[in-house]
Amino acid sequence: MLKMNKWVLGLAGTALVFGCCFFYLRQWESNAEITHFLKRVDAKVNLPWMVGKPTSVMTVTDCKRDVNNPDFWIAHGGGLGDFLYTNSREAVLDSLQRGYKYIELDILVTSDGHLVGGHDWPLVRDLVGLADGQDCPLSRAELLACRSSWKYTLLFAEDICRLLEENPQMILVTDKVQDFDLLVREIPYVDRMVVEAFDSLNYLAALRAGVKNVALTVYSAQNLMQAQKYKLHGLVMHAHDLEENPDIVELATQLHKEGCCIMVHGAPTCDDVAFARKYLGRCVSRIYTNTWSPQDPPPGLLLSE
């Protein structure tokens, strides 16, 4: 009888979902809206069982609460100082020299469908010597043709793979590229990669592409409650949300204690010693920084037990 009741409830739930779909589909004329709605239903149904268990990449070693612990810091845009936002080979090598383990690279897609490190196309065009301010992608061949004018060494997918191979401690963190199939195909180091997804639909798409470490961008207390409900292992949020909303601080603290890796960005706030002192190790697991490094952490910063 119990099995029969569960079967009936499951059937009723399925009928309710499809009934809702039919109701809303009758309201909408736009195919784009219909597709988006169906994707949201897909995410709500499938996300809970696809999340899986956290890997060591998404685990913050709180047993090592030394501020020199590389688990606490992410090199933003590849590196610091002159290398900030260059997403270049020089930036990554400098960050590795400074003791970073987690290195964020913005990755763009060229006009012919390949990956290249870059914060945005106007900046990439400037780095390769064009400096025309145009916000449109170049092809791989066009980028290579400018090689003699490069200010820093661009990183194509094979160059990033080589850096990962030569530096086994390195973990790649990336956010801009949302073609996850292309990302996994050109940089198949899924065990050593953290990918930011901007919503639950992209989160599910990243998992389906084979990405093992996905961090969802959250913007509100409601987003954090959803992350807690689905037991997500990684989140990305902006520093000002913590500073402005005590409810977010409370929820983030709970999630951090439950083992969720919360990564926070937002210069110049993240580079403020007071911010790190207030939040790091309590409700913030890792900070994207333009200033500090594992070898040169904020002066006088102590993490309490």
Foldseek 3Di string as FASTA:
>chain_A
DVVVVVVVVVVVVVVVVVVVLVVVVVVDDDPVVNVVVVLVVVLVVPLLVLQDDDDPLLFFPVVPQPLLPLQAEEAALQAADPCHVVLFPVSVVVQVVLPHAHYEFEWDAAPVGWIKTGPFVCVLCVQLPNNPSDRHGHHPVVSVVSNVRGPGHIDTLVNVLVVCVVDVSHAYEYENDLPLLNVCVSNVPLVRYEYEDADSSSVVVNSVSPRNHYAYEDDDLVSLVVCVVSVHQHYEYELVRVVPDVSNVVSLQVSVVVRRAYEYEDPPLLVDLVSCLVPDPRRHRYYHDNDAGSNRHPPPRGDDD
